[in-house]
Amino acid sequence: MNLKSKSVCYILVVTAVFLCGLRSAGGIGQTGHMVVAAMATDNICETGYSDLVNILTALPSDRDSGAVFPDWAWPSFYQQYSRIAHTVEFQQAWADYAKDNFQPPYTVNEKREISFFMGLTVHTYADPPWHTFFLPEAKAHDNADEWLVEPGTDIFANWELDKRSEITYGYFPVETAVNVYFALGYPEVTESMLLKGMLILRAAYWAEKFSGYQGYLNLVNRMPWTDDNYVTYSPGGFEYGAEVSTPEMVSTWNYIQGNLDQLLPADVPVFMEKNILIELGKRLIESGAIEIPVWRTEQGEYFFGEPRIADRKSFESLVWGFEF
């Protein structure tokens, strides 16, 4: 999909979503999590773990899918399961599953799952310093509340760092996710629940790619300190999030290969709030305004195709009438 070929109408429509008033948002957004995961991958390239590097660089879209996964149950349904997906306990359970079921040399499907899991790992460890350190500074310097800083930062990342013109991520090892929740005592989490959540995340990222350039410039003028510092600020910026995630990725890799008895101990606080971008994705999906093709492999993995507008009138109505 070449964004330049899309109708200017839709670019302006979605720009209005972000400019009418960004309210009720929380957490690093879809683009931000994927950018931090890419930065962490660059760090891994300097560690000498060539097998892991080869997996992450060969399957970046699978890593990106994992990087957004923990937010699957937001904004308003099954929220407790997203909270669980942000915990060290969830990280350990997924690592145990991978260690017990995947043996090197890994198959292509197993490499996909490992890449996905590494993205999930980055999300788990990059979120807390962002909330704890960067967010308070951005709010103070730009006199902005978190409902503006967090989605606004993701739009900065979308325009400044995420150079992909196509929506690339669409892989989801749903059976593994179901098994991990089951191992933690949540047998009620089903494939259909997880798929709905991932479709909403995909819709949210797709909608974000249409945020207009003028809207981006307005946000830069409104939050200059945030725009100047969200990547490099330490502690808490994107680079810092990648830095603290890197040893956790290495630890996880060594653990699932049987070279480490346990993951690095870490106390990870969980920050979960409502996210305006995911809320928009939810409404776009549930209204039928957009459609996302889905197909399932024999191995129980799912792939999501590129979203498309299915009901233009509904799409425009939802975007323009969205309440923040």
C-alpha atoms as a PDB file:
ATOM      1  CA  MET A   1       0.000   0.000   0.000  1.00  0.00           C
ATOM      2  CA  ASN A   2       1.431   3.327  -1.045  1.00  0.00           C
ATOM      3  CA  LEU A   3       0.041   5.942   1.315  1.00  0.00           C
ATOM      4  CA  LYS A   4       0.591   8.708  -1.226  1.00  0.00           C
ATOM      5  CA  SER A   5      -1.900   7.051  -3.511  1.00  0.00           C
ATOM      6  CA  LYS A   6      -4.666   7.162  -0.933  1.00  0.00           C
ATOM      7  CA  SER A   7      -7.363   9.790  -1.057  1.00  0.00           C
ATOM      8  CA  VAL A   8      -6.494  13.098   0.542  1.00  0.00           C
ATOM      9  CA  CYS A   9     -10.000  12.974   1.970  1.00  0.00           C
ATOM     10  CA  TYR A  10      -9.126  10.113   4.261  1.00  0.00           C
ATOM     11  CA  ILE A  11      -5.856  11.665   5.322  1.00  0.00           C
ATOM     12  CA  LEU A  12      -7.739  14.782   6.396  1.00  0.00           C
ATOM     13  CA  VAL A  13     -10.508  12.778   8.022  1.00  0.00           C
ATOM     14  CA  VAL A  14      -8.165  10.862  10.277  1.00  0.00           C
ATOM     15  CA  THR A  15      -6.097  13.974  10.968  1.00  0.00           C
ATOM     16  CA  ALA A  16      -9.253  15.446  12.448  1.00  0.00           C
ATOM     17  CA  VAL A  17      -9.411  12.551  14.894  1.00  0.00           C
ATOM     18  CA  PHE A  18      -6.125  13.578  16.423  1.00  0.00           C
ATOM     19  CA  LEU A  19      -6.686  17.331  16.303  1.00  0.00           C
ATOM     20  CA  CYS A  20     -10.244  17.533  17.623  1.00  0.00           C
ATOM     21  CA  GLY A  21      -8.926  16.538  21.051  1.00  0.00           C
ATOM     22  CA  LEU A  22      -6.690  13.686  22.136  1.00  0.00           C
ATOM     23  CA  ARG A  23      -8.160  12.351  25.332  1.00  0.00           C
ATOM     24  CA  SER A  24      -8.195   9.156  27.350  1.00  0.00           C
ATOM     25  CA  ALA A  25      -5.019   7.594  26.042  1.00  0.00           C
ATOM     26  CA  GLY A  26      -2.272   5.566  27.664  1.00  0.00           C
ATOM     27  CA  GLY A  27       0.890   3.648  26.917  1.00  0.00           C
ATOM     28  CA  ILE A  28       3.410   3.716  24.120  1.00  0.00           C
ATOM     29  CA  GLY A  29       1.415   3.286  20.926  1.00  0.00           C
ATOM     30  CA  GLN A  30       1.647   0.744  18.124  1.00  0.00           C
ATOM     31  CA  THR A  31       4.335   2.547  16.137  1.00  0.00           C
ATOM     32  CA  GLY A  32       6.353   3.309  19.250  1.00  0.00           C
ATOM     33  CA  HIS A  33       6.486  -0.293  20.410  1.00  0.00           C
ATOM     34  CA  MET A  34       7.620  -1.451  16.972  1.00  0.00           C
ATOM     35  CA  VAL A  35      10.288   1.245  16.737  1.00  0.00           C
ATOM     36  CA  VAL A  36      11.674   0.366  20.174  1.00  0.00           C
ATOM     37  CA  ALA A  37      11.737  -3.322  19.179  1.00  0.00           C
ATOM     38  CA  ALA A  38      13.733  -2.412  16.062  1.00  0.00           C
ATOM     39  CA  MET A  39      16.171  -0.398  18.199  1.00  0.00           C
ATOM     40  CA  ALA A  40      16.579  -3.340  20.570  1.00  0.00           C
ATOM     41  CA  THR A  41      17.277  -5.572  17.577  1.00  0.00           C
ATOM     42  CA  ASP A  42      20.076  -3.203  16.547  1.00  0.00           C
ATOM     43  CA  ASN A  43      21.498  -3.575  20.043  1.00  0.00           C
ATOM     44  CA  ILE A  44      21.328  -7.362  19.789  1.00  0.00           C
ATOM     45  CA  CYS A  45      23.372  -7.157  16.589  1.00  0.00           C
ATOM     46  CA  GLU A  46      26.265  -5.893  18.733  1.00  0.00           C
ATOM     47  CA  THR A  47      26.111  -8.762  21.250  1.00  0.00           C
ATOM     48  CA  GLY A  48      27.444 -11.590  19.107  1.00  0.00           C
ATOM     49  CA  TYR A  49      24.288 -13.714  19.279  1.00  0.00           C
ATOM     50  CA  SER A  50      24.297 -14.390  15.564  1.00  0.00           C
ATOM     51  CA  ASP A  51      21.501 -16.989  15.557  1.00  0.00           C
ATOM     52  CA  LEU A  52      19.152 -14.648  17.383  1.00  0.00           C
ATOM     53  CA  VAL A  53      20.200 -11.740  15.171  1.00  0.00           C
ATOM     54  CA  ASN A  54      19.411 -13.796  12.071  1.00  0.00           C
ATOM     55  CA  ILE A  55      15.923 -14.589  13.359  1.00  0.00           C
ATOM     56  CA  LEU A  56      15.126 -11.001  14.313  1.00  0.00           C
ATOM     57  CA  THR A  57      16.449  -9.451  11.125  1.00  0.00           C
ATOM     58  CA  ALA A  58      14.855 -12.058   8.855  1.00  0.00           C
ATOM     59  CA  LEU A  59      11.426 -11.832  10.498  1.00  0.00           C
ATOM     60  CA  PRO A  60      10.987  -8.216  11.648  1.00  0.00           C
ATOM     61  CA  SER A  61       7.242  -8.090  11.002  1.00  0.00           C
ATOM     62  CA  ASP A  62       6.727 -11.068  13.318  1.00  0.00           C
ATOM     63  CA  ARG A  63       8.745  -9.264  15.996  1.00  0.00           C
ATOM     64  CA  ASP A  64       6.606  -6.157  15.437  1.00  0.00           C
ATOM     65  CA  SER A  65       3.418  -8.164  15.929  1.00  0.00           C
ATOM     66  CA  GLY A  66       4.750  -9.422  19.253  1.00  0.00           C
ATOM     67  CA  ALA A  67       5.781  -5.901  20.236  1.00  0.00           C
ATOM     68  CA  VAL A  68       2.157  -4.734  20.168  1.00  0.00           C
ATOM     69  CA  PHE A  69       0.550  -7.958  21.420  1.00  0.00           C
ATOM     70  CA  PRO A  70       0.332  -7.202  25.174  1.00  0.00           C
ATOM     71  CA  ASP A  71      -2.181  -4.429  24.431  1.00  0.00           C
ATOM     72  CA  TRP A  72      -4.541  -6.850  22.647  1.00  0.00           C
ATOM     73  CA  ALA A  73      -7.353  -6.635  25.192  1.00  0.00           C
ATOM     74  CA  TRP A  74      -7.652  -2.861  25.331  1.00  0.00           C
ATOM     75  CA  PRO A  75      -9.474  -0.501  25.365  1.00  0.00           C
ATOM     76  CA  SER A  76     -12.610  -1.878  26.985  1.00  0.00           C
ATOM     77  CA  PHE A  77     -12.969  -5.631  26.751  1.00  0.00           C
ATOM     78  CA  TYR A  78     -11.140  -8.371  28.693  1.00  0.00           C
ATOM     79  CA  GLN A  79      -8.832  -5.738  30.145  1.00  0.00           C
ATOM     80  CA  GLN A  80      -7.527  -8.004  32.881  1.00  0.00           C
ATOM     81  CA  TYR A  81      -5.951 -10.240  30.253  1.00  0.00           C
ATOM     82  CA  SER A  82      -3.929  -7.393  28.787  1.00  0.00           C
ATOM     83  CA  ARG A  83      -2.746  -6.567  32.274  1.00  0.00           C
ATOM     84  CA  ILE A  84      -1.571 -10.155  32.684  1.00  0.00           C
ATOM     85  CA  ALA A  85       0.256  -9.994  29.344  1.00  0.00           C
ATOM     86  CA  HIS A  86       2.388  -7.120  30.705  1.00  0.00           C
ATOM     87  CA  THR A  87       3.732  -9.097  33.673  1.00  0.00           C
ATOM     88  CA  VAL A  88       6.974 -10.971  34.321  1.00  0.00           C
ATOM     89  CA  GLU A  89       4.858 -14.039  35.102  1.00  0.00           C
ATOM     90  CA  PHE A  90       3.472 -13.986  31.571  1.00  0.00           C
ATOM     91  CA  GLN A  91       6.976 -13.541  30.176  1.00  0.00           C
ATOM     92  CA  GLN A  92       8.176 -16.554  32.156  1.00  0.00           C
ATOM     93  CA  ALA A  93       5.220 -18.722  31.107  1.00  0.00           C
ATOM     94  CA  TRP A  94       5.772 -17.931  27.417  1.00  0.00           C
ATOM     95  CA  ALA A  95       9.501 -18.661  27.788  1.00  0.00           C
ATOM     96  CA  ASP A  96       8.686 -21.986  29.448  1.00  0.00           C
ATOM     97  CA  TYR A  97       6.379 -22.893  26.577  1.00  0.00           C
ATOM     98  CA  ALA A  98       9.031 -22.045  23.993  1.00  0.00           C
ATOM     99  CA  LYS A  99      11.723 -23.946  25.883  1.00  0.00           C
ATOM    100  CA  ASP A 100       9.553 -27.065  26.221  1.00  0.00           C
ATOM    101  CA  ASN A 101       8.235 -27.101  22.652  1.00  0.00           C
ATOM    102  CA  PHE A 102      10.968 -25.671  20.404  1.00  0.00           C
ATOM    103  CA  GLN A 103      14.316 -27.332  19.928  1.00  0.00           C
ATOM    104  CA  PRO A 104      17.202 -25.997  17.822  1.00  0.00           C
ATOM    105  CA  PRO A 105      17.753 -26.021  14.938  1.00  0.00           C
ATOM    106  CA  TYR A 106      14.400 -24.267  14.750  1.00  0.00           C
ATOM    107  CA  THR A 107      11.855 -24.644  11.976  1.00  0.00           C
ATOM    108  CA  VAL A 108      10.648 -21.569  10.111  1.00  0.00           C
ATOM    109  CA  ASN A 109       7.446 -21.538  12.180  1.00  0.00           C
ATOM    110  CA  GLU A 110       9.401 -21.804  15.429  1.00  0.00           C
ATOM    111  CA  LYS A 111      11.620 -18.928  14.343  1.00  0.00           C
ATOM    112  CA  ARG A 112       8.498 -16.881  13.695  1.00  0.00           C
ATOM    113  CA  GLU A 113       7.290 -17.570  17.225  1.00  0.00           C
ATOM    114  CA  ILE A 114      10.662 -16.678  18.702  1.00  0.00           C
ATOM    115  CA  SER A 115      10.731 -13.394  16.799  1.00  0.00           C
ATOM    116  CA  PHE A 116       7.185 -12.662  18.018  1.00  0.00           C
ATOM    117  CA  PHE A 117       8.188 -13.486  21.598  1.00  0.00           C
ATOM    118  CA  MET A 118      11.204 -11.175  21.448  1.00  0.00           C
ATOM    119  CA  GLY A 119       8.912  -8.326  20.433  1.00  0.00           C
ATOM    120  CA  LEU A 120       6.671  -9.150  23.387  1.00  0.00           C
ATOM    121  CA  THR A 121       9.743  -9.071  25.632  1.00  0.00           C
ATOM    122  CA  VAL A 122      10.638  -5.558  24.496  1.00  0.00           C
ATOM    123  CA  HIS A 123       7.096  -4.349  25.220  1.00  0.00           C
ATOM    124  CA  THR A 124       7.212  -5.798  28.736  1.00  0.00           C
ATOM    125  CA  TYR A 125      10.420  -4.034  29.746  1.00  0.00           C
ATOM    126  CA  ALA A 126      10.201  -0.782  27.767  1.00  0.00           C
ATOM    127  CA  ASP A 127       6.792   0.308  29.063  1.00  0.00           C
ATOM    128  CA  PRO A 128       7.640   0.926  32.761  1.00  0.00           C
ATOM    129  CA  PRO A 129      10.514   3.426  32.329  1.00  0.00           C
ATOM    130  CA  TRP A 130       8.436   5.338  29.787  1.00  0.00           C
ATOM    131  CA  HIS A 131       5.608   5.796  32.267  1.00  0.00           C
ATOM    132  CA  THR A 132       7.816   6.299  35.305  1.00  0.00           C
ATOM    133  CA  PHE A 133      10.407   8.717  33.951  1.00  0.00           C
ATOM    134  CA  PHE A 134       9.654  10.160  30.518  1.00  0.00           C
ATOM    135  CA  LEU A 135       5.939  10.834  30.793  1.00  0.00           C
ATOM    136  CA  PRO A 136       6.125  13.102  33.895  1.00  0.00           C
ATOM    137  CA  GLU A 137       8.912  15.143  32.282  1.00  0.00           C
ATOM    138  CA  ALA A 138       6.998  15.559  29.017  1.00  0.00           C
ATOM    139  CA  LYS A 139       3.838  16.609  30.845  1.00  0.00           C
ATOM    140  CA  ALA A 140       5.753  19.213  32.838  1.00  0.00           C
ATOM    141  CA  HIS A 141       7.836  20.662  30.001  1.00  0.00           C
ATOM    142  CA  ASP A 142       4.993  20.915  27.477  1.00  0.00           C
ATOM    143  CA  ASN A 143       2.186  21.615  29.945  1.00  0.00           C
ATOM    144  CA  ALA A 144       0.270  18.706  28.471  1.00  0.00           C
ATOM    145  CA  ASP A 145      -1.576  15.819  30.057  1.00  0.00           C
ATOM    146  CA  GLU A 146      -0.799  12.184  29.335  1.00  0.00           C
ATOM    147  CA  TRP A 147      -3.841  11.900  27.059  1.00  0.00           C
ATOM    148  CA  LEU A 148      -2.034  14.206  24.664  1.00  0.00           C
ATOM    149  CA  VAL A 149       1.593  13.200  25.235  1.00  0.00           C
ATOM    150  CA  GLU A 150       1.236   9.483  24.654  1.00  0.00           C
ATOM    151  CA  PRO A 151      -0.734   9.312  21.386  1.00  0.00           C
ATOM    152  CA  GLY A 152       1.040  12.467  20.224  1.00  0.00           C
ATOM    153  CA  THR A 153       4.407  10.790  20.720  1.00  0.00           C
ATOM    154  CA  ASP A 154       3.247   7.844  18.685  1.00  0.00           C
ATOM    155  CA  ILE A 155       2.333  10.173  15.838  1.00  0.00           C
ATOM    156  CA  PHE A 156       5.823  11.708  16.095  1.00  0.00           C
ATOM    157  CA  ALA A 157       7.286   8.204  15.813  1.00  0.00           C
ATOM    158  CA  ASN A 158       4.972   7.405  12.928  1.00  0.00           C
ATOM    159  CA  TRP A 159       6.133  10.395  10.877  1.00  0.00           C
ATOM    160  CA  GLU A 160       9.770  10.580  11.983  1.00  0.00           C
ATOM    161  CA  LEU A 161      10.899   6.999  12.584  1.00  0.00           C
ATOM    162  CA  ASP A 162       8.520   4.494  10.994  1.00  0.00           C
ATOM    163  CA  LYS A 163       9.536   4.725   7.333  1.00  0.00           C
ATOM    164  CA  ARG A 164       7.491   1.776   6.105  1.00  0.00           C
ATOM    165  CA  SER A 165       4.897   2.731   3.526  1.00  0.00           C
ATOM    166  CA  GLU A 166       3.164  -0.609   3.969  1.00  0.00           C
ATOM    167  CA  ILE A 167       1.550  -2.211   6.994  1.00  0.00           C
ATOM    168  CA  THR A 168       3.843  -5.165   7.481  1.00  0.00           C
ATOM    169  CA  TYR A 169       2.885  -6.936  10.668  1.00  0.00           C
ATOM    170  CA  GLY A 170       0.186  -9.564  10.552  1.00  0.00           C
ATOM    171  CA  TYR A 171       1.496 -12.755  12.201  1.00  0.00           C
ATOM    172  CA  PHE A 172       0.005 -14.223  15.367  1.00  0.00           C
ATOM    173  CA  PRO A 173       0.764 -17.613  17.030  1.00  0.00           C
ATOM    174  CA  VAL A 174      -2.652 -17.788  18.643  1.00  0.00           C
ATOM    175  CA  GLU A 175      -2.430 -21.396  19.871  1.00  0.00           C
ATOM    176  CA  THR A 176       0.705 -20.557  21.832  1.00  0.00           C
ATOM    177  CA  ALA A 177      -0.994 -17.537  23.369  1.00  0.00           C
ATOM    178  CA  VAL A 178      -3.974 -19.675  24.414  1.00  0.00           C
ATOM    179  CA  ASN A 179      -1.634 -22.263  25.944  1.00  0.00           C
ATOM    180  CA  VAL A 180       0.293 -19.621  27.896  1.00  0.00           C
ATOM    181  CA  TYR A 181      -2.895 -18.152  29.359  1.00  0.00           C
ATOM    182  CA  PHE A 182      -4.064 -21.668  30.216  1.00  0.00           C
ATOM    183  CA  ALA A 183      -0.775 -22.409  32.004  1.00  0.00           C
ATOM    184  CA  LEU A 184      -1.286 -19.292  34.116  1.00  0.00           C
ATOM    185  CA  GLY A 185      -4.795 -20.379  35.128  1.00  0.00           C
ATOM    186  CA  TYR A 186      -6.908 -18.545  32.560  1.00  0.00           C
ATOM    187  CA  PRO A 187      -8.579 -21.253  30.458  1.00  0.00           C
ATOM    188  CA  GLU A 188     -11.357 -18.826  29.535  1.00  0.00           C
ATOM    189  CA  VAL A 189      -9.078 -16.944  27.132  1.00  0.00           C
ATOM    190  CA  THR A 190      -9.992 -18.246  23.678  1.00  0.00           C
ATOM    191  CA  GLU A 191      -8.703 -17.953  20.135  1.00  0.00           C
ATOM    192  CA  SER A 192     -11.653 -15.802  19.127  1.00  0.00           C
ATOM    193  CA  MET A 193     -11.005 -13.329  21.951  1.00  0.00           C
ATOM    194  CA  LEU A 194      -7.335 -13.035  21.056  1.00  0.00           C
ATOM    195  CA  LEU A 195      -8.013 -12.685  17.354  1.00  0.00           C
ATOM    196  CA  LYS A 196     -10.522  -9.905  17.937  1.00  0.00           C
ATOM    197  CA  GLY A 197      -7.971  -8.023  20.004  1.00  0.00           C
ATOM    198  CA  MET A 198      -5.193  -8.389  17.450  1.00  0.00           C
ATOM    199  CA  LEU A 199      -7.480  -7.271  14.631  1.00  0.00           C
ATOM    200  CA  ILE A 200      -8.261  -4.137  16.619  1.00  0.00           C
ATOM    201  CA  LEU A 201      -4.553  -3.416  17.138  1.00  0.00           C
ATOM    202  CA  ARG A 202      -3.997  -3.825  13.426  1.00  0.00           C
ATOM    203  CA  ALA A 203      -6.863  -1.461  12.661  1.00  0.00           C
ATOM    204  CA  ALA A 204      -5.439   1.074  15.131  1.00  0.00           C
ATOM    205  CA  TYR A 205      -2.024   1.031  13.477  1.00  0.00           C
ATOM    206  CA  TRP A 206      -3.601   1.280  10.044  1.00  0.00           C
ATOM    207  CA  ALA A 207      -5.680   4.297  11.076  1.00  0.00           C
ATOM    208  CA  GLU A 208      -2.629   5.948  12.586  1.00  0.00           C
ATOM    209  CA  LYS A 209      -0.759   5.702   9.279  1.00  0.00           C
ATOM    210  CA  PHE A 210      -3.315   8.137   7.876  1.00  0.00           C
ATOM    211  CA  SER A 211      -2.688  10.909  10.364  1.00  0.00           C
ATOM    212  CA  GLY A 212      -2.132  13.979   8.218  1.00  0.00           C
ATOM    213  CA  TYR A 213       1.128  15.899   7.983  1.00  0.00           C
ATOM    214  CA  GLN A 214      -0.496  19.137   9.135  1.00  0.00           C
ATOM    215  CA  GLY A 215      -1.759  17.353  12.227  1.00  0.00           C
ATOM    216  CA  TYR A 216       1.761  16.112  12.906  1.00  0.00           C
ATOM    217  CA  LEU A 217       3.140  19.671  12.578  1.00  0.00           C
ATOM    218  CA  ASN A 218       0.486  21.026  14.934  1.00  0.00           C
ATOM    219  CA  LEU A 219       1.498  18.462  17.535  1.00  0.00           C
ATOM    220  CA  VAL A 220       5.175  19.363  17.106  1.00  0.00           C
ATOM    221  CA  ASN A 221       4.297  22.998  17.791  1.00  0.00           C
ATOM    222  CA  ARG A 222       2.163  22.010  20.774  1.00  0.00           C
ATOM    223  CA  MET A 223       4.724  19.646  22.342  1.00  0.00           C
ATOM    224  CA  PRO A 224       8.226  20.695  21.222  1.00  0.00           C
ATOM    225  CA  TRP A 225      10.042  19.229  24.237  1.00  0.00           C
ATOM    226  CA  THR A 226       8.341  15.870  23.786  1.00  0.00           C
ATOM    227  CA  ASP A 227       9.204  15.781  20.094  1.00  0.00           C
ATOM    228  CA  ASP A 228      12.842  16.688  20.788  1.00  0.00           C
ATOM    229  CA  ASN A 229      13.325  14.142  23.572  1.00  0.00           C
ATOM    230  CA  TYR A 230      11.077  11.090  23.174  1.00  0.00           C
ATOM    231  CA  VAL A 231      13.846   9.116  21.465  1.00  0.00           C
ATOM    232  CA  THR A 232      16.962  10.092  23.443  1.00  0.00           C
ATOM    233  CA  TYR A 233      15.727  11.081  26.913  1.00  0.00           C
ATOM    234  CA  SER A 234      17.250   8.962  29.674  1.00  0.00           C
ATOM    235  CA  PRO A 235      15.769   7.317  31.529  1.00  0.00           C
ATOM    236  CA  GLY A 236      12.514   6.537  29.753  1.00  0.00           C
ATOM    237  CA  GLY A 237      12.887   7.451  26.071  1.00  0.00           C
ATOM    238  CA  PHE A 238      12.749   5.025  23.179  1.00  0.00           C
ATOM    239  CA  GLU A 239      16.494   4.386  23.143  1.00  0.00           C
ATOM    240  CA  TYR A 240      16.460   3.776  26.875  1.00  0.00           C
ATOM    241  CA  GLY A 241      13.568   1.334  26.504  1.00  0.00           C
ATOM    242  CA  ALA A 242      15.555  -0.558  23.889  1.00  0.00           C
ATOM    243  CA  GLU A 243      18.623  -0.521  26.128  1.00  0.00           C
ATOM    244  CA  VAL A 244      16.873  -2.052  29.147  1.00  0.00           C
ATOM    245  CA  SER A 245      15.117  -4.589  26.919  1.00  0.00           C
ATOM    246  CA  THR A 246      18.303  -5.895  25.298  1.00  0.00           C
ATOM    247  CA  PRO A 247      19.654  -7.946  28.247  1.00  0.00           C
ATOM    248  CA  GLU A 248      16.158  -9.328  28.816  1.00  0.00           C
ATOM    249  CA  MET A 249      16.035 -10.496  25.193  1.00  0.00           C
ATOM    250  CA  VAL A 250      19.443 -12.148  25.572  1.00  0.00           C
ATOM    251  CA  SER A 251      18.374 -13.747  28.845  1.00  0.00           C
ATOM    252  CA  THR A 252      15.187 -15.054  27.248  1.00  0.00           C
ATOM    253  CA  TRP A 253      17.100 -16.437  24.278  1.00  0.00           C
ATOM    254  CA  ASN A 254      19.560 -18.262  26.532  1.00  0.00           C
ATOM    255  CA  TYR A 255      16.734 -19.612  28.664  1.00  0.00           C
ATOM    256  CA  ILE A 256      14.686 -21.102  25.827  1.00  0.00           C
ATOM    257  CA  GLN A 257      17.848 -22.709  24.453  1.00  0.00           C
ATOM    258  CA  GLY A 258      18.548 -24.365  27.794  1.00  0.00           C
ATOM    259  CA  ASN A 259      21.654 -22.299  28.515  1.00  0.00           C
ATOM    260  CA  LEU A 260      20.163 -20.487  31.504  1.00  0.00           C
ATOM    261  CA  ASP A 261      18.266 -21.875  34.474  1.00  0.00           C
ATOM    262  CA  GLN A 262      15.973 -18.884  34.889  1.00  0.00           C
ATOM    263  CA  LEU A 263      15.201 -15.528  33.334  1.00  0.00           C
ATOM    264  CA  LEU A 264      16.827 -12.419  34.729  1.00  0.00           C
ATOM    265  CA  PRO A 265      14.844 -11.394  37.806  1.00  0.00           C
ATOM    266  CA  ALA A 266      13.009  -8.144  37.268  1.00  0.00           C
ATOM    267  CA  ASP A 267      10.302  -6.202  39.050  1.00  0.00           C
ATOM    268  CA  VAL A 268       8.139  -4.799  36.279  1.00  0.00           C
ATOM    269  CA  PRO A 269       5.270  -2.498  37.293  1.00  0.00           C
ATOM    270  CA  VAL A 270       2.233  -2.638  35.022  1.00  0.00           C
ATOM    271  CA  PHE A 271       0.786   0.566  33.604  1.00  0.00           C
ATOM    272  CA  MET A 272      -2.501   0.165  31.831  1.00  0.00           C
ATOM    273  CA  GLU A 273      -4.776   2.966  30.739  1.00  0.00           C
ATOM    274  CA  LYS A 274      -7.247   3.555  27.972  1.00  0.00           C
ATOM    275  CA  ASN A 275      -5.686   4.191  24.556  1.00  0.00           C
ATOM    276  CA  ILE A 276      -7.445   6.432  22.079  1.00  0.00           C
ATOM    277  CA  LEU A 277      -5.840   4.839  19.028  1.00  0.00           C
ATOM    278  CA  ILE A 278      -6.922   1.345  20.049  1.00  0.00           C
ATOM    279  CA  GLU A 279     -10.388   2.643  20.886  1.00  0.00           C
ATOM    280  CA  LEU A 280     -10.653   3.985  17.342  1.00  0.00           C
ATOM    281  CA  GLY A 281      -9.488   0.654  15.919  1.00  0.00           C
ATOM    282  CA  LYS A 282     -12.100  -1.146  17.989  1.00  0.00           C
ATOM    283  CA  ARG A 283     -14.923   0.995  16.653  1.00  0.00           C
ATOM    284  CA  LEU A 284     -13.726   0.694  13.069  1.00  0.00           C
ATOM    285  CA  ILE A 285     -13.708  -3.105  13.344  1.00  0.00           C
ATOM    286  CA  GLU A 286     -16.962  -3.552  15.248  1.00  0.00           C
ATOM    287  CA  SER A 287     -18.902  -1.200  12.972  1.00  0.00           C
ATOM    288  CA  GLY A 288     -17.823  -2.993   9.822  1.00  0.00           C
ATOM    289  CA  ALA A 289     -16.322   0.257   8.543  1.00  0.00           C
ATOM    290  CA  ILE A 290     -13.139  -1.606   7.672  1.00  0.00           C
ATOM    291  CA  GLU A 291     -12.366  -5.236   6.969  1.00  0.00           C
ATOM    292  CA  ILE A 292      -9.168  -7.182   7.573  1.00  0.00           C
ATOM    293  CA  PRO A 293      -8.662 -10.544   5.841  1.00  0.00           C
ATOM    294  CA  VAL A 294      -7.551 -13.380   8.121  1.00  0.00           C
ATOM    295  CA  TRP A 295      -6.225 -16.820   7.277  1.00  0.00           C
ATOM    296  CA  ARG A 296      -5.089 -19.723   9.451  1.00  0.00           C
ATOM    297  CA  THR A 297      -2.248 -22.156   8.788  1.00  0.00           C
ATOM    298  CA  GLU A 298      -2.243 -25.862   9.583  1.00  0.00           C
ATOM    299  CA  GLN A 299       0.159 -25.081  12.433  1.00  0.00           C
ATOM    300  CA  GLY A 300      -2.481 -22.963  14.153  1.00  0.00           C
ATOM    301  CA  GLU A 301      -0.909 -19.609  13.285  1.00  0.00           C
ATOM    302  CA  TYR A 302      -2.855 -16.676  11.918  1.00  0.00           C
ATOM    303  CA  PHE A 303      -1.914 -14.047   9.392  1.00  0.00           C
ATOM    304  CA  PHE A 304      -3.723 -10.760   8.898  1.00  0.00           C
ATOM    305  CA  GLY A 305      -3.908  -9.053   5.523  1.00  0.00           C
ATOM    306  CA  GLU A 306      -4.067  -5.373   4.720  1.00  0.00           C
ATOM    307  CA  PRO A 307      -7.141  -3.523   6.033  1.00  0.00           C
ATOM    308  CA  ARG A 308      -9.512  -1.900   3.590  1.00  0.00           C
ATOM    309  CA  ILE A 309     -12.448   0.476   3.930  1.00  0.00           C
ATOM    310  CA  ALA A 310     -15.630  -1.572   3.591  1.00  0.00           C
ATOM    311  CA  ASP A 311     -18.205   1.105   4.412  1.00  0.00           C
ATOM    312  CA  ARG A 312     -17.034   4.589   3.527  1.00  0.00           C
ATOM    313  CA  LYS A 313     -20.017   6.356   5.094  1.00  0.00           C
ATOM    314  CA  SER A 314     -19.620   4.467   8.351  1.00  0.00           C
ATOM    315  CA  PHE A 315     -15.887   5.088   8.324  1.00  0.00           C
ATOM    316  CA  GLU A 316     -16.255   8.849   7.970  1.00  0.00           C
ATOM    317  CA  SER A 317     -19.086   8.981  10.496  1.00  0.00           C
ATOM    318  CA  LEU A 318     -17.098   7.114  13.134  1.00  0.00           C
ATOM    319  CA  VAL A 319     -13.949   9.146  12.653  1.00  0.00           C
ATOM    320  CA  TRP A 320     -15.623  12.534  12.644  1.00  0.00           C
ATOM    321  CA  GLY A 321     -17.983  11.648  15.475  1.00  0.00           C
ATOM    322  CA  PHE A 322     -15.416   9.982  17.708  1.00  0.00           C
ATOM    323  CA  GLU A 323     -15.632  11.083  21.351  1.00  0.00           C
ATOM    324  CA  PHE A 324     -12.438  11.581  23.336  1.00  0.00           C
END
